[in-house]
Amino acid sequence: MSKSSSRTRRAARPLRVSPLIAQYVPALATGSPATLAPQTTRNLLVSKTWFGVTVNRYQNGYEIIFADGRKLSSGTPWGLLVQMFKGGAK
């Protein structure tokens, strides 16, 4: 058996959790899969307001806030444009 296949088998096994760690993190003791999704960052880079419409540029995307409270947000400016044409602001 080649080394790469044994590494694959080793990586596919669930991680063993020591009882010391499991007492502080109960989700690890039950064997539930951990979510490794990155936390969303909302660092505001630029904010402009025209005629009651605020456009915010964040580190991870864009957001438009209309004067009546409706919001649009997307990762790209083209995504905002698509949402505007679809009427997605609620």
PDB file of N, CA and C in Angstrom:
ATOM      1  N   MET A   1       0.845  -1.177   0.000  1.00  0.00           N
ATOM      2  CA  MET A   1       0.000   0.000   0.000  1.00  0.00           C
ATOM      3  C   MET A   1       0.891   1.241   0.000  1.00  0.00           C
ATOM      4  N   SER A   2       0.552   2.200  -0.791  1.00  0.00           N
ATOM      5  CA  SER A   2       1.392   3.391  -0.889  1.00  0.00           C
ATOM      6  C   SER A   2       1.177   4.312   0.306  1.00  0.00           C
ATOM      7  N   LYS A   3       2.123   5.220   0.484  1.00  0.00           N
ATOM      8  CA  LYS A   3       2.022   6.154   1.603  1.00  0.00           C
ATOM      9  C   LYS A   3       0.816   7.070   1.474  1.00  0.00           C
ATOM     10  N   SER A   4       0.512   7.496   0.267  1.00  0.00           N
ATOM     11  CA  SER A   4      -0.586   8.444   0.096  1.00  0.00           C
ATOM     12  C   SER A   4      -1.917   7.832   0.515  1.00  0.00           C
ATOM     13  N   SER A   5      -2.123   6.536   0.235  1.00  0.00           N
ATOM     14  CA  SER A   5      -3.395   5.925   0.612  1.00  0.00           C
ATOM     15  C   SER A   5      -3.498   5.752   2.126  1.00  0.00           C
ATOM     16  N   SER A   6      -2.381   5.460   2.801  1.00  0.00           N
ATOM     17  CA  SER A   6      -2.452   5.331   4.256  1.00  0.00           C
ATOM     18  C   SER A   6      -2.698   6.695   4.900  1.00  0.00           C
ATOM     19  N   ARG A   7      -2.161   7.737   4.303  1.00  0.00           N
ATOM     20  CA  ARG A   7      -2.433   9.085   4.818  1.00  0.00           C
ATOM     21  C   ARG A   7      -3.897   9.441   4.638  1.00  0.00           C
ATOM     22  N   THR A   8      -4.464   9.035   3.525  1.00  0.00           N
ATOM     23  CA  THR A   8      -5.876   9.312   3.277  1.00  0.00           C
ATOM     24  C   THR A   8      -6.741   8.595   4.299  1.00  0.00           C
ATOM     25  N   ARG A   9      -6.426   7.323   4.570  1.00  0.00           N
ATOM     26  CA  ARG A   9      -7.205   6.583   5.563  1.00  0.00           C
ATOM     27  C   ARG A   9      -7.075   7.222   6.929  1.00  0.00           C
ATOM     28  N   ARG A  10      -5.879   7.666   7.273  1.00  0.00           N
ATOM     29  CA  ARG A  10      -5.643   8.279   8.570  1.00  0.00           C
ATOM     30  C   ARG A  10      -6.425   9.585   8.697  1.00  0.00           C
ATOM     31  N   ALA A  11      -6.470  10.357   7.617  1.00  0.00           N
ATOM     32  CA  ALA A  11      -7.171  11.639   7.650  1.00  0.00           C
ATOM     33  C   ALA A  11      -8.678  11.446   7.699  1.00  0.00           C
ATOM     34  N   ALA A  12      -9.180  10.325   7.182  1.00  0.00           N
ATOM     35  CA  ALA A  12     -10.620  10.095   7.150  1.00  0.00           C
ATOM     36  C   ALA A  12     -11.176   9.663   8.503  1.00  0.00           C
ATOM     37  N   ARG A  13     -10.313   9.192   9.400  1.00  0.00           N
ATOM     38  CA  ARG A  13     -10.792   8.775  10.722  1.00  0.00           C
ATOM     39  C   ARG A  13     -11.223   9.974  11.546  1.00  0.00           C
ATOM     40  N   PRO A  14     -12.207   9.798  12.437  1.00  0.00           N
ATOM     41  CA  PRO A  14     -12.560  10.901  13.334  1.00  0.00           C
ATOM     42  C   PRO A  14     -11.438  11.149  14.333  1.00  0.00           C
ATOM     43  N   LEU A  15     -11.282  12.374  14.720  1.00  0.00           N
ATOM     44  CA  LEU A  15     -10.237  12.718  15.673  1.00  0.00           C
ATOM     45  C   LEU A  15     -10.599  12.216  17.062  1.00  0.00           C
ATOM     46  N   ARG A  16      -9.587  11.740  17.782  1.00  0.00           N
ATOM     47  CA  ARG A  16      -9.811  11.325  19.162  1.00  0.00           C
ATOM     48  C   ARG A  16      -9.713  12.545  20.059  1.00  0.00           C
ATOM     49  N   VAL A  17     -10.644  12.639  21.008  1.00  0.00           N
ATOM     50  CA  VAL A  17     -10.657  13.774  21.927  1.00  0.00           C
ATOM     51  C   VAL A  17     -10.345  13.254  23.316  1.00  0.00           C
ATOM     52  N   SER A  18      -9.390  13.884  23.962  1.00  0.00           N
ATOM     53  CA  SER A  18      -9.054  13.452  25.313  1.00  0.00           C
ATOM     54  C   SER A  18     -10.182  13.834  26.267  1.00  0.00           C
ATOM     55  N   PRO A  19     -10.403  13.054  27.328  1.00  0.00           N
ATOM     56  CA  PRO A  19     -11.465  13.366  28.289  1.00  0.00           C
ATOM     57  C   PRO A  19     -11.287  14.740  28.928  1.00  0.00           C
ATOM     58  N   LEU A  20     -10.047  15.181  29.070  1.00  0.00           N
ATOM     59  CA  LEU A  20      -9.804  16.483  29.677  1.00  0.00           C
ATOM     60  C   LEU A  20     -10.390  17.604  28.822  1.00  0.00           C
ATOM     61  N   ILE A  21     -10.223  17.500  27.506  1.00  0.00           N
ATOM     62  CA  ILE A  21     -10.786  18.512  26.609  1.00  0.00           C
ATOM     63  C   ILE A  21     -12.295  18.344  26.502  1.00  0.00           C
ATOM     64  N   ALA A  22     -12.774  17.110  26.461  1.00  0.00           N
ATOM     65  CA  ALA A  22     -14.197  16.850  26.281  1.00  0.00           C
ATOM     66  C   ALA A  22     -15.040  17.402  27.421  1.00  0.00           C
ATOM     67  N   GLN A  23     -14.487  17.506  28.611  1.00  0.00           N
ATOM     68  CA  GLN A  23     -15.286  18.034  29.716  1.00  0.00           C
ATOM     69  C   GLN A  23     -15.547  19.528  29.554  1.00  0.00           C
ATOM     70  N   TYR A  24     -14.690  20.229  28.825  1.00  0.00           N
ATOM     71  CA  TYR A  24     -14.891  21.658  28.601  1.00  0.00           C
ATOM     72  C   TYR A  24     -15.656  21.950  27.313  1.00  0.00           C
ATOM     73  N   VAL A  25     -15.614  21.030  26.361  1.00  0.00           N
ATOM     74  CA  VAL A  25     -16.315  21.215  25.091  1.00  0.00           C
ATOM     75  C   VAL A  25     -17.202  19.999  24.866  1.00  0.00           C
ATOM     76  N   PRO A  26     -18.460  20.037  25.350  1.00  0.00           N
ATOM     77  CA  PRO A  26     -19.324  18.858  25.268  1.00  0.00           C
ATOM     78  C   PRO A  26     -19.594  18.391  23.842  1.00  0.00           C
ATOM     79  N   ALA A  27     -19.595  19.290  22.873  1.00  0.00           N
ATOM     80  CA  ALA A  27     -19.860  18.889  21.489  1.00  0.00           C
ATOM     81  C   ALA A  27     -18.784  17.937  20.979  1.00  0.00           C
ATOM     82  N   LEU A  28     -17.573  18.061  21.482  1.00  0.00           N
ATOM     83  CA  LEU A  28     -16.504  17.158  21.061  1.00  0.00           C
ATOM     84  C   LEU A  28     -16.705  15.761  21.633  1.00  0.00           C
ATOM     85  N   ALA A  29     -17.268  15.669  22.819  1.00  0.00           N
ATOM     86  CA  ALA A  29     -17.471  14.367  23.446  1.00  0.00           C
ATOM     87  C   ALA A  29     -18.528  13.560  22.708  1.00  0.00           C
ATOM     88  N   THR A  30     -19.533  14.223  22.147  1.00  0.00           N
ATOM     89  CA  THR A  30     -20.595  13.507  21.450  1.00  0.00           C
ATOM     90  C   THR A  30     -20.186  13.084  20.052  1.00  0.00           C
ATOM     91  N   GLY A  31     -19.093  13.622  19.565  1.00  0.00           N
ATOM     92  CA  GLY A  31     -18.627  13.244  18.237  1.00  0.00           C
ATOM     93  C   GLY A  31     -19.330  13.997  17.125  1.00  0.00           C
ATOM     94  N   SER A  32     -20.032  15.071  17.459  1.00  0.00           N
ATOM     95  CA  SER A  32     -20.699  15.844  16.410  1.00  0.00           C
ATOM     96  C   SER A  32     -19.643  16.571  15.583  1.00  0.00           C
ATOM     97  N   PRO A  33     -19.879  16.692  14.292  1.00  0.00           N
ATOM     98  CA  PRO A  33     -18.869  17.341  13.450  1.00  0.00           C
ATOM     99  C   PRO A  33     -18.717  18.815  13.800  1.00  0.00           C
ATOM    100  N   ALA A  34     -17.497  19.251  13.840  1.00  0.00           N
ATOM    101  CA  ALA A  34     -17.226  20.649  14.172  1.00  0.00           C
ATOM    102  C   ALA A  34     -17.426  21.509  12.934  1.00  0.00           C
ATOM    103  N   THR A  35     -17.978  22.679  13.137  1.00  0.00           N
ATOM    104  CA  THR A  35     -18.119  23.601  12.019  1.00  0.00           C
ATOM    105  C   THR A  35     -16.872  24.463  11.976  1.00  0.00           C
ATOM    106  N   LEU A  36     -16.203  24.390  10.872  1.00  0.00           N
ATOM    107  CA  LEU A  36     -14.975  25.147  10.710  1.00  0.00           C
ATOM    108  C   LEU A  36     -15.176  26.332   9.777  1.00  0.00           C
ATOM    109  N   ALA A  37     -16.428  26.771   9.631  1.00  0.00           N
ATOM    110  CA  ALA A  37     -16.700  27.915   8.762  1.00  0.00           C
ATOM    111  C   ALA A  37     -16.077  29.162   9.367  1.00  0.00           C
ATOM    112  N   PRO A  38     -15.447  29.950   8.539  1.00  0.00           N
ATOM    113  CA  PRO A  38     -14.834  31.170   9.077  1.00  0.00           C
ATOM    114  C   PRO A  38     -15.888  32.145   9.576  1.00  0.00           C
ATOM    115  N   GLN A  39     -15.537  32.876  10.590  1.00  0.00           N
ATOM    116  CA  GLN A  39     -16.437  33.894  11.106  1.00  0.00           C
ATOM    117  C   GLN A  39     -16.499  35.040  10.112  1.00  0.00           C
ATOM    118  N   THR A  40     -17.689  35.603   9.989  1.00  0.00           N
ATOM    119  CA  THR A  40     -17.828  36.705   9.044  1.00  0.00           C
ATOM    120  C   THR A  40     -17.182  37.957   9.605  1.00  0.00           C
ATOM    121  N   THR A  41     -16.424  38.615   8.771  1.00  0.00           N
ATOM    122  CA  THR A  41     -15.807  39.870   9.183  1.00  0.00           C
ATOM    123  C   THR A  41     -16.580  41.007   8.554  1.00  0.00           C
ATOM    124  N   ARG A  42     -16.909  42.004   9.353  1.00  0.00           N
ATOM    125  CA  ARG A  42     -17.704  43.122   8.871  1.00  0.00           C
ATOM    126  C   ARG A  42     -16.939  44.425   9.030  1.00  0.00           C
ATOM    127  N   ASN A  43     -15.659  44.428   8.734  1.00  0.00           N
ATOM    128  CA  ASN A  43     -14.867  45.646   8.858  1.00  0.00           C
ATOM    129  C   ASN A  43     -15.287  46.627   7.774  1.00  0.00           C
ATOM    130  N   LEU A  44     -15.843  47.763   8.199  1.00  0.00           N
ATOM    131  CA  LEU A  44     -16.316  48.771   7.264  1.00  0.00           C
ATOM    132  C   LEU A  44     -15.131  49.504   6.651  1.00  0.00           C
ATOM    133  N   LEU A  45     -15.064  49.499   5.322  1.00  0.00           N
ATOM    134  CA  LEU A  45     -13.982  50.178   4.625  1.00  0.00           C
ATOM    135  C   LEU A  45     -14.419  51.552   4.123  1.00  0.00           C
ATOM    136  N   VAL A  46     -15.583  51.607   3.455  1.00  0.00           N
ATOM    137  CA  VAL A  46     -16.075  52.859   2.882  1.00  0.00           C
ATOM    138  C   VAL A  46     -17.581  52.920   3.071  1.00  0.00           C
ATOM    139  N   SER A  47     -18.104  54.096   3.385  1.00  0.00           N
ATOM    140  CA  SER A  47     -19.544  54.293   3.498  1.00  0.00           C
ATOM    141  C   SER A  47     -19.908  55.609   2.823  1.00  0.00           C
ATOM    142  N   LYS A  48     -20.838  55.551   1.890  1.00  0.00           N
ATOM    143  CA  LYS A  48     -21.295  56.753   1.183  1.00  0.00           C
ATOM    144  C   LYS A  48     -22.815  56.801   1.226  1.00  0.00           C
ATOM    145  N   THR A  49     -23.370  57.989   1.378  1.00  0.00           N
ATOM    146  CA  THR A  49     -24.820  58.162   1.389  1.00  0.00           C
ATOM    147  C   THR A  49     -25.208  59.193   0.339  1.00  0.00           C
ATOM    148  N   TRP A  50     -26.149  58.820  -0.525  1.00  0.00           N
ATOM    149  CA  TRP A  50     -26.705  59.739  -1.514  1.00  0.00           C
ATOM    150  C   TRP A  50     -28.215  59.640  -1.452  1.00  0.00           C
ATOM    151  N   PHE A  51     -28.882  60.757  -1.272  1.00  0.00           N
ATOM    152  CA  PHE A  51     -30.345  60.833  -1.309  1.00  0.00           C
ATOM    153  C   PHE A  51     -31.002  59.774  -0.427  1.00  0.00           C
ATOM    154  N   GLY A  52     -30.460  59.554   0.743  1.00  0.00           N
ATOM    155  CA  GLY A  52     -31.047  58.603   1.682  1.00  0.00           C
ATOM    156  C   GLY A  52     -30.669  57.151   1.450  1.00  0.00           C
ATOM    157  N   VAL A  53     -29.835  56.868   0.475  1.00  0.00           N
ATOM    158  CA  VAL A  53     -29.390  55.492   0.204  1.00  0.00           C
ATOM    159  C   VAL A  53     -27.931  55.379   0.626  1.00  0.00           C
ATOM    160  N   THR A  54     -27.659  54.481   1.564  1.00  0.00           N
ATOM    161  CA  THR A  54     -26.302  54.296   2.074  1.00  0.00           C
ATOM    162  C   THR A  54     -25.684  53.056   1.440  1.00  0.00           C
ATOM    163  N   VAL A  55     -24.488  53.217   0.911  1.00  0.00           N
ATOM    164  CA  VAL A  55     -23.742  52.092   0.343  1.00  0.00           C
ATOM    165  C   VAL A  55     -22.528  51.865   1.228  1.00  0.00           C
ATOM    166  N   ASN A  56     -22.440  50.689   1.811  1.00  0.00           N
ATOM    167  CA  ASN A  56     -21.321  50.325   2.674  1.00  0.00           C
ATOM    168  C   ASN A  56     -20.453  49.297   1.963  1.00  0.00           C
ATOM    169  N   ARG A  57     -19.156  49.518   1.990  1.00  0.00           N
ATOM    170  CA  ARG A  57     -18.192  48.551   1.454  1.00  0.00           C
ATOM    171  C   ARG A  57     -17.478  47.946   2.642  1.00  0.00           C
ATOM    172  N   TYR A  58     -17.675  46.648   2.843  1.00  0.00           N
ATOM    173  CA  TYR A  58     -17.029  45.934   3.934  1.00  0.00           C
ATOM    174  C   TYR A  58     -15.842  45.151   3.388  1.00  0.00           C
ATOM    175  N   GLN A  59     -15.092  44.570   4.309  1.00  0.00           N
ATOM    176  CA  GLN A  59     -13.945  43.759   3.914  1.00  0.00           C
ATOM    177  C   GLN A  59     -14.393  42.536   3.119  1.00  0.00           C
ATOM    178  N   ASN A  60     -15.585  42.031   3.416  1.00  0.00           N
ATOM    179  CA  ASN A  60     -16.039  40.803   2.764  1.00  0.00           C
ATOM    180  C   ASN A  60     -17.240  41.006   1.843  1.00  0.00           C
ATOM    181  N   GLY A  61     -17.583  42.245   1.491  1.00  0.00           N
ATOM    182  CA  GLY A  61     -18.704  42.432   0.580  1.00  0.00           C
ATOM    183  C   GLY A  61     -19.280  43.835   0.621  1.00  0.00           C
ATOM    184  N   TYR A  62     -20.482  43.954   0.070  1.00  0.00           N
ATOM    185  CA  TYR A  62     -21.152  45.238  -0.056  1.00  0.00           C
ATOM    186  C   TYR A  62     -22.530  45.167   0.588  1.00  0.00           C
ATOM    187  N   GLU A  63     -23.050  46.335   0.975  1.00  0.00           N
ATOM    188  CA  GLU A  63     -24.393  46.406   1.539  1.00  0.00           C
ATOM    189  C   GLU A  63     -25.003  47.745   1.144  1.00  0.00           C
ATOM    190  N   ILE A  64     -26.278  47.712   0.745  1.00  0.00           N
ATOM    191  CA  ILE A  64     -27.016  48.936   0.451  1.00  0.00           C
ATOM    192  C   ILE A  64     -28.164  49.007   1.441  1.00  0.00           C
ATOM    193  N   ILE A  65     -28.297  50.151   2.100  1.00  0.00           N
ATOM    194  CA  ILE A  65     -29.396  50.372   3.037  1.00  0.00           C
ATOM    195  C   ILE A  65     -30.217  51.536   2.498  1.00  0.00           C
ATOM    196  N   PHE A  66     -31.473  51.262   2.172  1.00  0.00           N
ATOM    197  CA  PHE A  66     -32.357  52.295   1.650  1.00  0.00           C
ATOM    198  C   PHE A  66     -32.946  53.098   2.801  1.00  0.00           C
ATOM    199  N   ALA A  67     -33.484  54.283   2.499  1.00  0.00           N
ATOM    200  CA  ALA A  67     -34.019  55.181   3.521  1.00  0.00           C
ATOM    201  C   ALA A  67     -35.199  54.561   4.270  1.00  0.00           C
ATOM    202  N   ASP A  68     -35.945  53.674   3.623  1.00  0.00           N
ATOM    203  CA  ASP A  68     -37.099  53.054   4.280  1.00  0.00           C
ATOM    204  C   ASP A  68     -36.736  51.789   5.056  1.00  0.00           C
ATOM    205  N   GLY A  69     -35.440  51.476   5.181  1.00  0.00           N
ATOM    206  CA  GLY A  69     -34.996  50.350   5.998  1.00  0.00           C
ATOM    207  C   GLY A  69     -34.694  49.075   5.238  1.00  0.00           C
ATOM    208  N   ARG A  70     -34.982  49.030   3.945  1.00  0.00           N
ATOM    209  CA  ARG A  70     -34.675  47.822   3.166  1.00  0.00           C
ATOM    210  C   ARG A  70     -33.173  47.676   3.014  1.00  0.00           C
ATOM    211  N   LYS A  71     -32.704  46.431   2.957  1.00  0.00           N
ATOM    212  CA  LYS A  71     -31.264  46.161   2.842  1.00  0.00           C
ATOM    213  C   LYS A  71     -30.989  45.171   1.723  1.00  0.00           C
ATOM    214  N   LEU A  72     -29.900  45.398   1.043  1.00  0.00           N
ATOM    215  CA  LEU A  72     -29.347  44.451   0.079  1.00  0.00           C
ATOM    216  C   LEU A  72     -27.905  44.210   0.471  1.00  0.00           C
ATOM    217  N   SER A  73     -27.464  42.972   0.417  1.00  0.00           N
ATOM    218  CA  SER A  73     -26.051  42.715   0.684  1.00  0.00           C
ATOM    219  C   SER A  73     -25.570  41.588  -0.218  1.00  0.00           C
ATOM    220  N   SER A  74     -24.322  41.702  -0.624  1.00  0.00           N
ATOM    221  CA  SER A  74     -23.735  40.718  -1.516  1.00  0.00           C
ATOM    222  C   SER A  74     -22.223  40.787  -1.403  1.00  0.00           C
ATOM    223  N   GLY A  75     -21.572  39.760  -1.878  1.00  0.00           N
ATOM    224  CA  GLY A  75     -20.119  39.724  -1.861  1.00  0.00           C
ATOM    225  C   GLY A  75     -19.486  40.534  -2.977  1.00  0.00           C
ATOM    226  N   THR A  76     -20.256  40.785  -4.043  1.00  0.00           N
ATOM    227  CA  THR A  76     -19.723  41.528  -5.184  1.00  0.00           C
ATOM    228  C   THR A  76     -20.705  42.622  -5.590  1.00  0.00           C
ATOM    229  N   PRO A  77     -20.226  43.666  -6.264  1.00  0.00           N
ATOM    230  CA  PRO A  77     -21.152  44.690  -6.747  1.00  0.00           C
ATOM    231  C   PRO A  77     -22.136  44.145  -7.784  1.00  0.00           C
ATOM    232  N   TRP A  78     -21.700  43.163  -8.576  1.00  0.00           N
ATOM    233  CA  TRP A  78     -22.605  42.573  -9.564  1.00  0.00           C
ATOM    234  C   TRP A  78     -23.736  41.820  -8.880  1.00  0.00           C
ATOM    235  N   GLY A  79     -23.441  41.213  -7.755  1.00  0.00           N
ATOM    236  CA  GLY A  79     -24.484  40.536  -6.993  1.00  0.00           C
ATOM    237  C   GLY A  79     -25.540  41.507  -6.496  1.00  0.00           C
ATOM    238  N   LEU A  80     -25.109  42.715  -6.113  1.00  0.00           N
ATOM    239  CA  LEU A  80     -26.066  43.749  -5.707  1.00  0.00           C
ATOM    240  C   LEU A  80     -26.948  44.157  -6.878  1.00  0.00           C
ATOM    241  N   LEU A  81     -26.345  44.300  -8.042  1.00  0.00           N
ATOM    242  CA  LEU A  81     -27.094  44.691  -9.228  1.00  0.00           C
ATOM    243  C   LEU A  81     -28.155  43.642  -9.569  1.00  0.00           C
ATOM    244  N   VAL A  82     -27.788  42.379  -9.485  1.00  0.00           N
ATOM    245  CA  VAL A  82     -28.732  41.296  -9.760  1.00  0.00           C
ATOM    246  C   VAL A  82     -29.879  41.336  -8.762  1.00  0.00           C
ATOM    247  N   GLN A  83     -29.567  41.553  -7.484  1.00  0.00           N
ATOM    248  CA  GLN A  83     -30.619  41.615  -6.472  1.00  0.00           C
ATOM    249  C   GLN A  83     -31.553  42.794  -6.705  1.00  0.00           C
ATOM    250  N   MET A  84     -31.008  43.918  -7.168  1.00  0.00           N
ATOM    251  CA  MET A  84     -31.854  45.080  -7.458  1.00  0.00           C
ATOM    252  C   MET A  84     -32.840  44.763  -8.571  1.00  0.00           C
ATOM    253  N   PHE A  85     -32.367  44.097  -9.628  1.00  0.00           N
ATOM    254  CA  PHE A  85     -33.259  43.765 -10.731  1.00  0.00           C
ATOM    255  C   PHE A  85     -34.283  42.707 -10.334  1.00  0.00           C
ATOM    256  N   LYS A  86     -33.925  41.829  -9.425  1.00  0.00           N
ATOM    257  CA  LYS A  86     -34.865  40.815  -8.961  1.00  0.00           C
ATOM    258  C   LYS A  86     -35.861  41.381  -7.953  1.00  0.00           C
ATOM    259  N   GLY A  87     -35.582  42.556  -7.425  1.00  0.00           N
ATOM    260  CA  GLY A  87     -36.457  43.128  -6.400  1.00  0.00           C
ATOM    261  C   GLY A  87     -36.217  42.476  -5.059  1.00  0.00           C
ATOM    262  N   GLY A  88     -34.963  42.182  -4.745  1.00  0.00           N
ATOM    263  CA  GLY A  88     -34.649  41.437  -3.533  1.00  0.00           C
ATOM    264  C   GLY A  88     -34.587  42.236  -2.257  1.00  0.00           C
ATOM    265  N   ALA A  89     -34.728  43.552  -2.303  1.00  0.00           N
ATOM    266  CA  ALA A  89     -34.619  44.353  -1.075  1.00  0.00           C
ATOM    267  C   ALA A  89     -35.904  44.247  -0.282  1.00  0.00           C
ATOM    268  N   LYS A  90     -35.776  43.748   0.926  1.00  0.00           N
ATOM    269  CA  LYS A  90     -36.956  43.625   1.800  1.00  0.00           C
ATOM    270  C   LYS A  90     -36.638  44.181   3.147  1.00  0.00           C
TER     271      LYS A  90
END
